[in-house]
């Protein structure tokens, strides 16, 4: 009896479907930077991609979907996002992005707070987003905590990878948090990493129990994973000089796996970033100097870094309207290649910047972000070019499971589209 119940529980908890699905006669965009393939086929089974492209055979017994006139692309990967941890940003009870007065910082694990029922998740899923890098917000320390990778599936198990990266705030924001200057932020960074090394040498003698201690034992333990290269250190910086300072950190900490985000002035030091082989998840089309640290912002930033050999993905942070706006920015980076004096991306590079490139930045290119064989079957069927705003998803699969094409926004639209007397609550007497 126990064995039967265990088997049933495993089946119910499994995020994958055993059914084999084949989409034929579609334009296949793999998401690895290559050009789309017309009249192609994709096959996925047990939650994984089996094959995609031209000349792919359809297995016997597969559910066959005719994709004539449609496109198939990998689901978009939003990095960095607050999906699942902020139902309403202005309502503190529903916002778990930052902990300003908490005694912990680097030890914070955002994965325990992910809410898969958050309204925004279904909205973004219908925009083609299937995975997201959920990042905490630095509040009481330059260390924000440990972010998570989640899927946007309609199920109760959203976390793909918990404690996937450590997020640290430097530059202007980091300086402000650390006491008012960049030197203070870097002093805090080095002191925290030094204390983590002290904790490794002698855990029993390590402090971290005092109320006002900068680094708690949990923080030190989390930072050891960063020092050992087991957890990427995502660093938010914008100014070129800050970027160079961060790139120098491995001289003191050789095993660090750095990922840069923000990077408005990255084009100014693109060769140095490429030489350091540090991936970037940058804001797209940021061309206004909103702060002193981004005076060199330009719409050509991403294109110039890519041309210099930098591995670049697009960040969803700051994208008004939602994570699904990633495709608008990716499409615009294709369009600006036609503007004299501007540098953008090819179509294949642009799609990769919101699919396989963010996955590669966190070392997950073998799991998500493309339609290559063996990857998780995060598949979106579009009625047209996925980088065109006039196109919409007609079907979405996450881990091979078909997703409901409904959201609260659509339900509200349908409810109030044709109001009739008696069907809706009265707002006032007529």
Protein backbone atom coordinates (compact mmCIF):
# COMPACT_ATOMS: atom_id res chain seq x y z
CA UNK A 1 0.00 0.00 0.00
CA UNK A 2 2.78 2.41 0.93
CA UNK A 3 4.58 1.63 -2.32
CA UNK A 4 1.42 2.37 -4.33
CA UNK A 5 0.87 5.66 -2.52
CA UNK A 6 4.51 6.63 -3.09
CA UNK A 7 4.19 5.86 -6.80
CA UNK A 8 0.98 7.90 -7.03
CA UNK A 9 2.60 10.84 -5.22
CA UNK A 10 5.59 10.71 -7.55
CA UNK A 11 3.32 10.74 -10.61
CA UNK A 12 1.31 13.68 -9.30
CA UNK A 13 4.44 15.64 -8.37
CA UNK A 14 6.21 15.02 -11.69
CA UNK A 15 6.39 18.18 -13.85
CA UNK A 16 6.80 16.22 -17.07
CA UNK A 17 4.40 14.41 -19.37
CA UNK A 18 5.10 11.01 -20.88
CA UNK A 19 3.26 11.77 -24.13
CA UNK A 20 5.36 12.30 -27.25
CA UNK A 21 4.51 15.52 -29.12
CA UNK A 22 5.62 16.43 -32.64
CA UNK A 23 5.04 19.84 -34.22
CA UNK A 24 5.50 19.64 -37.98
CA UNK A 25 5.70 22.02 -40.97
CA UNK A 26 6.67 24.97 -38.74
CA UNK A 27 9.47 27.51 -38.81
CA UNK A 28 11.83 26.26 -36.09
CA UNK A 29 13.92 28.80 -34.18
CA UNK A 30 16.31 26.80 -32.01
CA UNK A 31 17.49 29.77 -29.93
CA UNK A 32 21.21 29.06 -30.22
CA UNK A 33 22.00 31.99 -32.49
CA UNK A 34 21.35 30.14 -35.72
CA UNK A 35 18.88 31.21 -38.39
CA UNK A 36 15.33 29.79 -38.32
CA UNK A 37 14.61 26.61 -40.27
CA UNK A 38 11.49 26.59 -42.44
CA UNK A 39 9.23 23.55 -42.74
CA UNK A 40 10.89 21.93 -39.75
CA UNK A 41 9.77 19.53 -37.06
CA UNK A 42 10.31 19.38 -33.33
CA UNK A 43 9.74 16.30 -31.20
CA UNK A 44 9.67 16.24 -27.39
CA UNK A 45 8.95 13.45 -24.95
CA UNK A 46 9.07 12.97 -21.18
CA UNK A 47 9.68 16.67 -20.70
CA UNK A 48 12.78 16.81 -22.93
CA UNK A 49 13.52 17.82 -26.51
CA UNK A 50 14.22 14.75 -28.67
CA UNK A 51 15.10 16.51 -31.93
CA UNK A 52 14.36 19.72 -33.85
CA UNK A 53 15.05 21.09 -37.31
CA UNK A 54 14.71 19.87 -40.89
CA UNK A 55 14.24 16.20 -41.73
CA UNK A 56 13.25 15.14 -38.22
CA UNK A 57 11.20 11.92 -38.24
CA UNK A 58 7.93 11.76 -36.35
CA UNK A 59 7.83 8.78 -33.94
CA UNK A 60 4.96 6.35 -34.16
CA UNK A 61 2.15 7.15 -31.73
CA UNK A 62 3.15 10.80 -31.26
CA UNK A 63 0.58 13.56 -30.93
CA UNK A 64 1.11 15.48 -34.17
CA UNK A 65 0.40 19.21 -34.35
CA UNK A 66 0.44 20.86 -37.76
CA UNK A 67 2.49 24.03 -37.42
CA UNK A 68 1.95 25.28 -40.98
CA UNK A 69 2.36 29.05 -41.08
CA UNK A 70 3.52 29.12 -37.45
CA UNK A 71 6.82 29.42 -35.59
CA UNK A 72 8.25 27.28 -32.80
CA UNK A 73 10.75 28.85 -30.38
CA UNK A 74 12.15 28.09 -26.93
CA UNK A 75 10.43 29.83 -24.05
CA UNK A 76 11.98 33.14 -23.05
CA UNK A 77 14.23 33.26 -19.99
CA UNK A 78 13.72 36.42 -17.92
CA UNK A 79 16.72 37.57 -15.96
CA UNK A 80 16.52 39.20 -13.51
CA UNK A 81 12.96 39.25 -12.22
CA UNK A 82 10.78 39.50 -9.12
CA UNK A 83 8.23 36.98 -10.42
CA UNK A 84 6.82 34.93 -7.58
CA UNK A 85 8.03 37.19 -4.79
CA UNK A 86 6.14 40.45 -5.39
CA UNK A 87 2.40 40.24 -6.05
CA UNK A 88 2.17 44.00 -5.61
CA UNK A 89 5.40 45.94 -5.36
CA UNK A 90 3.91 48.72 -3.28
CA UNK A 91 2.27 46.41 -0.73
CA UNK A 92 4.83 45.24 1.81
CA UNK A 93 2.80 42.19 2.85
CA UNK A 94 3.04 40.79 -0.69
CA UNK A 95 6.59 41.90 -1.46
CA UNK A 96 9.48 39.64 -0.44
CA UNK A 97 12.15 41.16 -2.68
CA UNK A 98 14.19 42.85 0.05
CA UNK A 99 14.69 42.64 3.81
CA UNK A 100 15.94 45.99 5.00
CA UNK A 101 16.05 45.26 8.73
CA UNK A 102 16.92 41.55 8.66
CA UNK A 103 20.12 40.43 10.43
CA UNK A 104 20.93 38.24 7.39
CA UNK A 105 22.00 39.19 3.89
CA UNK A 106 24.03 36.68 1.83
CA UNK A 107 22.26 33.80 3.60
CA UNK A 108 18.82 34.83 2.36
CA UNK A 109 17.35 32.14 0.09
CA UNK A 110 14.62 33.58 -2.10
CA UNK A 111 13.39 30.17 -3.30
CA UNK A 112 11.38 29.48 -0.13
CA UNK A 113 9.08 32.43 -0.87
CA UNK A 114 8.20 31.72 -4.52
CA UNK A 115 4.44 31.84 -5.01
CA UNK A 116 3.43 29.94 -8.17
CA UNK A 117 -0.12 31.31 -7.91
CA UNK A 118 1.04 34.91 -8.33
CA UNK A 119 -1.15 36.60 -10.94
CA UNK A 120 1.79 37.94 -12.94
CA UNK A 121 3.16 34.46 -13.63
CA UNK A 122 0.25 33.45 -15.88
CA UNK A 123 0.38 36.83 -17.61
CA UNK A 124 4.04 36.42 -18.47
CA UNK A 125 3.62 32.79 -19.49
CA UNK A 126 1.10 33.92 -22.11
CA UNK A 127 3.78 36.29 -23.39
CA UNK A 128 6.15 33.39 -24.07
CA UNK A 129 8.20 33.53 -20.84
CA UNK A 130 8.76 30.04 -19.42
CA UNK A 131 11.69 30.49 -16.99
CA UNK A 132 12.91 33.35 -14.83
CA UNK A 133 15.91 34.20 -12.70
CA UNK A 134 14.36 35.58 -9.52
CA UNK A 135 16.73 37.97 -7.78
CA UNK A 136 16.47 39.42 -4.28
CA UNK A 137 16.95 43.14 -3.78
CA UNK A 138 19.85 44.54 -1.80
CA UNK A 139 18.51 46.40 1.22
CA UNK A 140 20.47 46.27 4.48
CA UNK A 141 23.70 45.11 2.83
CA UNK A 142 25.37 45.10 -0.57
CA UNK A 143 24.68 41.34 -0.55
CA UNK A 144 21.05 40.77 -1.50
CA UNK A 145 21.06 37.02 -1.06
CA UNK A 146 20.68 33.85 -3.10
CA UNK A 147 18.46 33.99 -6.17
CA UNK A 148 16.53 31.14 -7.77
CA UNK A 149 15.68 29.86 -11.23
CA UNK A 150 11.98 29.11 -11.59
CA UNK A 151 9.60 27.88 -14.25
CA UNK A 152 6.28 29.59 -14.96
CA UNK A 153 4.30 26.37 -15.22
CA UNK A 154 0.79 25.93 -13.88
CA UNK A 155 1.80 23.69 -11.00
CA UNK A 156 2.84 23.86 -7.37
CA UNK A 157 6.56 23.23 -7.90
CA UNK A 158 8.05 26.33 -9.53
CA UNK A 159 11.68 26.11 -8.43
CA UNK A 160 14.07 24.74 -11.04
CA UNK A 161 17.22 25.57 -9.09
CA UNK A 162 17.32 27.02 -5.60
CA UNK A 163 20.33 29.06 -4.46
CA UNK A 164 21.36 29.49 -8.10
CA UNK A 165 23.40 32.67 -7.63
CA UNK A 166 24.44 35.30 -5.10
CA UNK A 167 23.43 38.87 -5.96
CA UNK A 168 25.61 41.81 -4.90
CA UNK A 169 25.01 45.51 -5.46
CA UNK A 170 28.00 47.74 -6.24
CA UNK A 171 28.33 51.02 -8.12
CA UNK A 172 26.17 53.95 -6.99
CA UNK A 173 23.56 51.82 -5.22
CA UNK A 174 26.15 49.68 -3.47
CA UNK A 175 28.02 52.75 -2.31
CA UNK A 176 24.84 54.22 -0.87
CA UNK A 177 23.98 51.01 0.99
CA UNK A 178 27.51 50.62 2.35
CA UNK A 179 27.58 54.06 3.89
CA UNK A 180 27.95 56.58 1.11
CA UNK A 181 30.81 55.69 -1.23
CA UNK A 182 32.13 53.09 -3.62
CA UNK A 183 35.26 52.49 -1.48
CA UNK A 184 32.98 51.65 1.44
CA UNK A 185 31.12 49.11 -0.71
CA UNK A 186 34.32 47.39 -1.79
CA UNK A 187 35.59 47.38 1.79
CA UNK A 188 32.34 45.68 2.82
CA UNK A 189 32.71 43.16 0.00
CA UNK A 190 36.28 42.19 0.88
CA UNK A 191 35.57 42.10 4.62
CA UNK A 192 32.59 39.77 4.12
CA UNK A 193 34.62 37.40 1.93
CA UNK A 194 37.48 37.46 4.43
CA UNK A 195 35.11 36.59 7.25
CA UNK A 196 33.77 33.70 5.18
CA UNK A 197 37.33 32.41 4.85
CA UNK A 198 37.78 32.76 8.63
CA UNK A 199 34.62 30.70 9.10
CA UNK A 200 36.04 27.96 6.90
CA UNK A 201 39.30 27.83 8.87
CA UNK A 202 37.67 27.65 12.29
CA UNK A 203 33.86 27.44 12.41
CA UNK A 204 33.81 26.94 16.16
CA UNK A 205 35.70 30.17 16.83
CA UNK A 206 33.77 32.23 14.28
CA UNK A 207 31.65 35.02 15.70
CA UNK A 208 28.62 36.00 13.69
CA UNK A 209 26.34 35.50 16.66
CA UNK A 210 26.40 39.10 17.80
CA UNK A 211 23.35 41.21 17.04
CA UNK A 212 25.33 43.83 15.11
CA UNK A 213 27.64 41.41 13.31
CA UNK A 214 28.05 42.27 9.62
CA UNK A 215 28.35 38.62 8.59
CA UNK A 216 26.29 35.93 10.31
CA UNK A 217 27.28 32.29 10.25
CA UNK A 218 24.65 31.61 7.59
CA UNK A 219 26.01 34.46 5.48
CA UNK A 220 29.55 33.14 5.77
CA UNK A 221 28.45 29.66 4.76
CA UNK A 222 26.64 31.03 1.69
CA UNK A 223 29.66 33.12 0.68
CA UNK A 224 31.93 30.07 0.84
CA UNK A 225 30.00 28.64 -2.12
CA UNK A 226 30.79 31.86 -3.99
CA UNK A 227 34.47 31.70 -3.08
CA UNK A 228 34.65 28.07 -4.19
CA UNK A 229 33.03 28.83 -7.55
CA UNK A 230 30.05 26.62 -6.75
CA UNK A 231 27.68 29.60 -6.98
CA UNK A 232 27.94 32.45 -9.52
CA UNK A 233 28.35 35.95 -8.11
CA UNK A 234 26.01 38.28 -9.99
CA UNK A 235 27.29 41.84 -9.67
CA UNK A 236 25.21 44.87 -10.59
CA UNK A 237 27.41 47.66 -11.95
CA UNK A 238 26.91 50.25 -14.67
CA UNK A 239 30.02 52.48 -14.95
CA UNK A 240 33.01 51.38 -17.02
CA UNK A 241 35.44 51.92 -14.16
CA UNK A 242 33.28 49.83 -11.82
CA UNK A 243 33.18 47.05 -14.40
CA UNK A 244 36.99 46.97 -14.54
CA UNK A 245 37.22 46.90 -10.74
CA UNK A 246 34.88 43.91 -10.60
CA UNK A 247 36.79 42.11 -13.37
CA UNK A 248 39.89 42.36 -11.17
CA UNK A 249 38.28 40.49 -8.24
CA UNK A 250 39.47 37.03 -9.39
CA UNK A 251 43.04 38.15 -8.72
CA UNK A 252 42.19 37.94 -5.03
CA UNK A 253 39.56 35.21 -5.32
CA UNK A 254 40.62 32.96 -8.21
CA UNK A 255 37.60 30.65 -8.20
CA UNK A 256 34.96 33.36 -8.50
CA UNK A 257 32.42 32.85 -11.28
CA UNK A 258 31.34 36.38 -12.13
CA UNK A 259 28.23 37.49 -13.98
CA UNK A 260 27.72 41.19 -14.67
CA UNK A 261 24.30 42.81 -14.89
CA UNK A 262 23.27 46.35 -15.74
CA UNK A 263 26.50 47.29 -17.54
CA UNK A 264 25.26 50.47 -19.28
CA UNK A 265 28.84 51.46 -20.14
CA UNK A 266 29.94 47.94 -21.03
CA UNK A 267 30.69 48.93 -24.63
CA UNK A 268 33.49 51.18 -23.35
CA UNK A 269 35.35 48.18 -21.87
CA UNK A 270 33.95 45.42 -24.07
CA UNK A 271 37.36 44.00 -24.99
CA UNK A 272 38.28 43.67 -21.33
CA UNK A 273 34.99 41.90 -20.52
CA UNK A 274 35.47 39.54 -23.46
CA UNK A 275 39.06 38.80 -22.44
CA UNK A 276 37.91 37.97 -18.90
CA UNK A 277 35.22 35.67 -20.37
CA UNK A 278 32.62 37.05 -17.99
CA UNK A 279 29.00 36.81 -19.19
CA UNK A 280 26.77 39.87 -19.13
CA UNK A 281 23.02 40.19 -18.61
CA UNK A 282 22.48 43.78 -19.70
CA UNK A 283 19.59 46.19 -19.94
CA UNK A 284 18.68 46.64 -23.60
CA UNK A 285 18.25 50.02 -25.29
CA UNK A 286 19.18 51.97 -22.16
CA UNK A 287 20.31 55.21 -23.78
CA UNK A 288 19.45 57.91 -21.23
CA UNK A 289 21.92 58.91 -18.48
CA UNK A 290 19.50 58.38 -15.61
CA UNK A 291 22.44 58.35 -13.16
CA UNK A 292 26.00 59.62 -13.21
CA UNK A 293 27.18 56.02 -13.52
CA UNK A 294 25.42 55.62 -16.88
CA UNK A 295 26.48 58.78 -18.68
CA UNK A 296 27.87 56.61 -21.48
CA UNK A 297 24.61 54.71 -22.05
CA UNK A 298 23.76 53.97 -25.68
CA UNK A 299 21.27 51.81 -27.57
CA UNK A 300 24.27 50.20 -29.27
CA UNK A 301 25.70 48.91 -25.98
CA UNK A 302 24.54 45.30 -26.37
CA UNK A 303 25.46 45.14 -30.05
CA UNK A 304 28.93 46.56 -29.49
CA UNK A 305 29.65 44.16 -26.65
CA UNK A 306 28.45 41.24 -28.75
CA UNK A 307 30.64 42.38 -31.66
CA UNK A 308 33.62 42.43 -29.29
CA UNK A 309 33.01 38.81 -28.31
CA UNK A 310 31.13 39.31 -25.04
CA UNK A 311 28.49 36.71 -24.14
CA UNK A 312 25.46 38.99 -23.74
CA UNK A 313 21.91 38.32 -22.61
CA UNK A 314 19.09 40.78 -22.01
CA UNK A 315 17.85 41.63 -18.53
CA UNK A 316 14.17 42.04 -17.78
CA UNK A 317 14.95 44.29 -14.82
CA UNK A 318 13.40 47.69 -15.36
CA UNK A 319 11.33 46.62 -18.37
CA UNK A 320 8.08 48.51 -17.94
CA UNK A 321 5.12 46.32 -18.80
CA UNK A 322 6.52 42.97 -17.78
CA UNK A 323 9.09 40.34 -18.58
CA UNK A 324 7.39 39.58 -21.90
CA UNK A 325 8.74 42.94 -23.13
CA UNK A 326 12.05 41.13 -23.53
CA UNK A 327 11.03 40.22 -27.07
CA UNK A 328 10.26 43.84 -27.87
CA UNK A 329 13.76 44.85 -26.85
CA UNK A 330 15.30 41.90 -28.69
CA UNK A 331 13.37 42.84 -31.81
CA UNK A 332 14.44 46.46 -31.52
CA UNK A 333 18.07 45.36 -31.36
CA UNK A 334 17.52 43.72 -34.74
CA UNK A 335 15.83 46.83 -36.11
CA UNK A 336 18.55 49.28 -35.09
CA UNK A 337 21.07 47.47 -37.29
CA UNK A 338 19.40 49.40 -40.11
CA UNK A 339 19.99 52.77 -38.43
CA UNK A 340 23.22 54.46 -39.59
CA UNK A 341 25.82 54.54 -36.83
CA UNK A 342 24.03 52.00 -34.64
CA UNK A 343 25.10 48.48 -33.74
CA UNK A 344 22.52 45.82 -32.96
CA UNK A 345 22.12 42.07 -33.24
CA UNK A 346 21.23 39.61 -35.96
CA UNK A 347 17.84 37.94 -35.61
CA UNK A 348 19.42 34.73 -34.34
CA UNK A 349 21.60 36.60 -31.83
CA UNK A 350 18.58 38.58 -30.61
CA UNK A 351 16.51 35.46 -29.93
CA UNK A 352 19.50 33.83 -28.22
CA UNK A 353 19.87 36.91 -25.98
CA UNK A 354 16.53 36.07 -24.32
CA UNK A 355 16.78 32.27 -24.44
CA UNK A 356 20.10 30.42 -24.53
CA UNK A 357 22.37 33.32 -23.54
CA UNK A 358 20.84 33.94 -20.08
CA UNK A 359 20.84 30.17 -19.51
CA UNK A 360 24.55 30.00 -20.38
CA UNK A 361 25.32 32.92 -18.05
CA UNK A 362 24.28 30.77 -15.08
CA UNK A 363 25.77 27.57 -16.46
CA UNK A 364 22.38 26.10 -17.41
CA UNK A 365 22.78 25.97 -21.19
CA UNK A 366 22.51 22.17 -21.05
CA UNK A 367 19.12 22.40 -19.35
CA UNK A 368 17.09 25.33 -20.65
CA UNK A 369 17.04 28.10 -23.23
CA UNK A 370 17.09 26.26 -26.58
CA UNK A 371 15.40 23.57 -28.63
CA UNK A 372 18.52 21.42 -28.84
CA UNK A 373 18.13 17.75 -28.03
CA UNK A 374 18.22 16.95 -24.32
CA UNK A 375 17.02 20.34 -23.11
CA UNK A 376 13.88 20.76 -21.06
CA UNK A 377 10.88 21.02 -23.36
CA UNK A 378 10.00 24.67 -22.83
CA UNK A 379 8.34 25.14 -26.19
CA UNK A 380 6.20 27.99 -27.51
CA UNK A 381 4.13 27.83 -30.70
CA UNK A 382 3.67 31.30 -32.21
CA UNK A 383 1.32 32.53 -34.92
CA UNK A 384 4.22 34.48 -36.43
CA UNK A 385 7.77 35.72 -35.85
CA UNK A 386 8.23 35.69 -32.03
CA UNK A 387 10.20 38.95 -32.14
CA UNK A 388 7.33 40.78 -33.86
CA UNK A 389 4.88 42.50 -31.50
CA UNK A 390 1.98 41.48 -33.75
CA UNK A 391 2.69 37.79 -33.02
CA UNK A 392 1.19 35.84 -30.13
CA UNK A 393 1.68 32.37 -28.64
CA UNK A 394 -1.02 29.87 -29.56
CA UNK A 395 0.32 27.09 -27.30
CA UNK A 396 2.91 26.82 -24.53
CA UNK A 397 4.60 23.75 -23.07
CA UNK A 398 6.83 23.84 -19.98
CA UNK A 399 8.79 20.70 -19.16
CA UNK A 400 6.74 19.09 -21.92
CA UNK A 401 3.40 19.85 -20.24
CA UNK A 402 0.80 21.84 -22.15
CA UNK A 403 -0.06 25.01 -20.25
CA UNK A 404 -3.47 26.70 -19.91
CA UNK A 405 -3.77 29.67 -22.22
CA UNK A 406 -5.69 31.71 -19.68
CA UNK A 407 -4.78 34.41 -17.18
CA UNK A 408 -6.55 36.75 -14.80
CA UNK A 409 -6.12 39.57 -17.30
CA UNK A 410 -7.96 37.58 -19.96
CA UNK A 411 -10.68 36.61 -17.50
CA UNK A 412 -11.23 40.25 -16.54
CA UNK A 413 -11.25 41.26 -20.21
CA UNK A 414 -13.89 38.68 -21.04
CA UNK A 415 -15.99 39.57 -18.02
CA UNK A 416 -16.15 43.28 -18.75
CA UNK A 417 -15.93 43.21 -22.55
CA UNK A 418 -19.70 43.23 -23.04
CA UNK A 419 -21.26 44.29 -19.73
CA UNK A 420 -24.93 43.61 -19.25
CA UNK A 421 -27.31 44.82 -16.58
CA UNK A 422 -27.41 42.37 -13.71
CA UNK A 423 -24.27 40.48 -14.64
CA UNK A 424 -21.95 42.93 -12.85
CA UNK A 425 -22.05 44.59 -9.45
CA UNK A 426 -23.53 48.08 -9.59
CA UNK A 427 -21.08 50.89 -8.98
CA UNK A 428 -23.84 53.46 -8.53
CA UNK A 429 -27.60 53.84 -8.84
CA UNK A 430 -28.95 54.76 -12.27
